[in-house]
Amino acid sequence: MEMHRDPIKSYYKELVKSFANIAPKDRKRLSELLSQDATYVELVGGGTHMILGSEARDLASLISKDLYTEIRIPIMIAKISGSPFYRIIDCNTDVMRMLKDLREVAIIEGMYIDRCILSSIDAMSLMKKYKTLFIISIIYEGNEGSQYNEDQYG
């Protein structure tokens, strides 16, 4: 029996490989970035990602000072498969507190920050304001997002 190659599956497999190469090997604490004009982190694929100190300082001005040593940059955001939502990959209480602070100053609407879930509007708002602090990653295979309603965002 001859096996047929699925071109769509092959395409997505290659797409996932290419996105995996943009993941940072290591991340830097926000506190480390505040005194620098620019720095770089190495990516899994061998490239580098530049982080601007001006963006780090702007973010720091909007969040609690005790988060400076806890937030690690760049922050990876991934599209949730089958939904219009995004998820912050390394979700923890400090990231959720950062998102809460950003919601309080109207950078994001943050309806679902208790699970690090962002609407497409929130994800794009963060990416637009902080181009070097966030990286869009591969599709996140999870069922989060299916129970949320993006219509609440207007």
Protein backbone atom coordinates (compact mmCIF):
# COMPACT_ATOMS: atom_id res chain seq x y z
CA MET A 1 0.00 0.00 0.00
CA GLU A 2 1.42 3.36 -1.03
CA MET A 3 1.51 6.10 1.59
CA HIS A 4 0.53 9.56 0.38
CA ARG A 5 2.32 12.54 1.84
CA ASP A 6 -0.01 15.17 3.26
CA PRO A 7 1.32 18.53 1.96
CA ILE A 8 -0.51 20.56 4.62
CA LYS A 9 0.85 18.43 7.45
CA SER A 10 4.35 18.71 5.95
CA TYR A 11 3.98 22.49 5.68
CA TYR A 12 2.94 22.83 9.31
CA LYS A 13 5.75 20.56 10.44
CA GLU A 14 8.28 22.84 8.71
CA LEU A 15 6.52 25.93 10.07
CA VAL A 16 6.78 24.59 13.63
CA LYS A 17 10.49 23.88 13.10
CA SER A 18 11.12 27.42 11.88
CA PHE A 19 9.23 28.96 14.82
CA ALA A 20 11.09 26.72 17.27
CA ASN A 21 14.33 28.32 16.08
CA ILE A 22 13.18 31.76 17.28
CA ALA A 23 12.77 30.63 20.89
CA PRO A 24 15.34 32.24 23.20
CA LYS A 25 17.99 29.94 24.69
CA ASP A 26 17.93 32.07 27.80
CA ARG A 27 16.09 35.14 28.94
CA LYS A 28 17.18 38.17 30.94
CA ARG A 29 15.62 39.62 34.06
CA LEU A 30 13.87 42.93 33.52
CA SER A 31 16.08 44.41 36.26
CA GLU A 32 19.20 43.59 34.17
CA LEU A 33 17.83 45.45 31.16
CA LEU A 34 17.01 48.74 32.87
CA SER A 35 20.55 50.13 32.73
CA GLN A 36 21.29 49.04 29.15
CA ASP A 37 20.53 50.76 25.87
CA ALA A 38 20.30 47.46 24.01
CA THR A 39 21.29 43.86 24.54
CA TYR A 40 20.87 40.57 22.77
CA VAL A 41 19.73 37.08 23.68
CA GLU A 42 20.76 34.03 21.71
CA LEU A 43 18.01 32.06 19.96
CA VAL A 44 17.75 28.28 19.69
CA GLY A 45 18.34 28.50 15.94
CA GLY A 46 21.63 30.33 16.43
CA GLY A 47 20.41 33.84 15.70
CA THR A 48 20.01 36.70 18.14
CA HIS A 49 17.11 38.80 19.35
CA MET A 50 17.74 42.43 20.32
CA ILE A 51 16.08 43.88 23.41
CA LEU A 52 15.83 47.65 23.76
CA GLY A 53 16.49 49.14 27.18
CA SER A 54 14.04 51.95 26.47
CA GLU A 55 11.21 49.42 26.13
CA ALA A 56 12.32 47.66 29.32
CA ARG A 57 12.33 50.97 31.19
CA ASP A 58 8.88 51.86 29.85
CA LEU A 59 7.48 48.49 30.95
CA ALA A 60 9.16 48.85 34.36
CA SER A 61 7.54 52.26 34.84
CA LEU A 62 4.11 50.62 34.60
CA ILE A 63 4.53 47.60 36.86
CA SER A 64 5.34 46.93 40.51
CA LYS A 65 9.03 47.32 41.37
CA ASP A 66 9.12 43.92 43.09
CA LEU A 67 8.48 42.32 39.68
CA TYR A 68 11.67 43.70 38.11
CA THR A 69 13.77 40.71 39.21
CA GLU A 70 11.00 38.18 38.51
CA ILE A 71 9.95 39.04 34.95
CA ARG A 72 12.17 37.42 32.33
CA ILE A 73 12.53 38.92 28.86
CA PRO A 74 11.75 38.18 26.05
CA ILE A 75 8.28 36.89 26.89
CA MET A 76 6.93 34.30 24.48
CA ILE A 77 3.32 34.59 23.29
CA ALA A 78 1.69 31.76 21.31
CA LYS A 79 -1.55 31.60 19.34
CA ILE A 80 -3.95 29.08 20.86
CA SER A 81 -4.92 26.55 18.23
CA GLY A 82 -8.55 26.80 17.11
CA SER A 83 -9.29 30.06 18.92
CA PRO A 84 -8.74 33.79 18.46
CA PHE A 85 -6.71 33.93 21.68
CA TYR A 86 -3.04 33.91 22.64
CA ARG A 87 -1.28 32.53 25.70
CA ILE A 88 1.89 33.61 27.44
CA ILE A 89 3.98 30.43 27.43
CA ASP A 90 5.72 30.82 30.79
CA CYS A 91 2.63 31.68 32.80
CA ASN A 92 3.28 32.20 36.51
CA THR A 93 1.99 34.44 39.31
CA ASP A 94 4.55 37.16 38.53
CA VAL A 95 3.54 37.33 34.87
CA MET A 96 -0.13 37.44 35.91
CA ARG A 97 0.68 40.33 38.28
CA MET A 98 2.49 42.13 35.45
CA LEU A 99 -0.57 41.67 33.21
CA LYS A 100 -2.81 42.98 35.99
CA ASP A 101 -0.61 46.08 36.29
CA LEU A 102 -0.78 46.59 32.51
CA ARG A 103 -4.56 46.24 32.63
CA GLU A 104 -4.74 48.90 35.36
CA VAL A 105 -2.93 51.41 33.12
CA ALA A 106 -5.07 50.44 30.09
CA ILE A 107 -2.30 48.87 27.99
CA ILE A 108 -4.42 45.72 27.74
CA GLU A 109 -8.04 44.87 28.56
CA GLY A 110 -6.96 41.60 30.16
CA MET A 111 -10.24 39.76 30.61
CA TYR A 112 -8.50 36.38 31.14
CA ILE A 113 -5.14 37.27 32.67
CA ASP A 114 -5.74 34.81 35.52
CA ARG A 115 -4.50 32.14 33.04
CA CYS A 116 -2.21 34.35 30.94
CA ILE A 117 -4.74 34.33 28.11
CA LEU A 118 -4.75 37.39 25.85
CA SER A 119 -7.24 38.48 23.23
CA SER A 120 -5.79 39.13 19.79
CA ILE A 121 -6.24 42.85 20.52
CA ASP A 122 -4.23 42.56 23.76
CA ALA A 123 -1.48 40.47 22.13
CA MET A 124 -1.11 42.95 19.28
CA SER A 125 -1.16 45.88 21.71
CA LEU A 126 1.76 44.36 23.64
CA MET A 127 3.66 43.52 20.45
CA LYS A 128 3.14 47.03 19.07
CA LYS A 129 4.20 48.83 22.26
CA TYR A 130 7.03 46.43 23.20
CA LYS A 131 8.39 45.06 19.93
CA THR A 132 11.58 43.67 21.47
CA LEU A 133 10.21 42.43 24.81
CA PHE A 134 7.78 39.88 23.35
CA ILE A 135 8.19 37.14 20.74
CA ILE A 136 5.28 35.45 18.96
CA SER A 137 5.87 31.72 19.12
CA ILE A 138 4.40 28.60 17.57
CA ILE A 139 0.76 27.62 17.93
CA TYR A 140 -0.09 26.52 21.44
CA GLU A 141 -1.99 23.23 21.39
CA GLY A 142 -4.43 23.60 24.22
CA ASN A 143 -8.14 23.95 24.71
CA GLU A 144 -7.90 27.33 26.43
CA GLY A 145 -9.72 29.94 24.47
CA SER A 146 -12.62 27.74 23.44
CA GLN A 147 -14.58 28.81 26.53
CA TYR A 148 -13.79 32.52 26.13
CA ASN A 149 -15.73 35.03 24.09
CA GLU A 150 -13.70 37.54 22.10
CA ASP A 151 -16.89 39.53 21.39
CA GLN A 152 -16.51 40.92 24.90
CA TYR A 153 -13.55 42.90 23.57
CA GLY A 154 -15.66 44.92 21.16
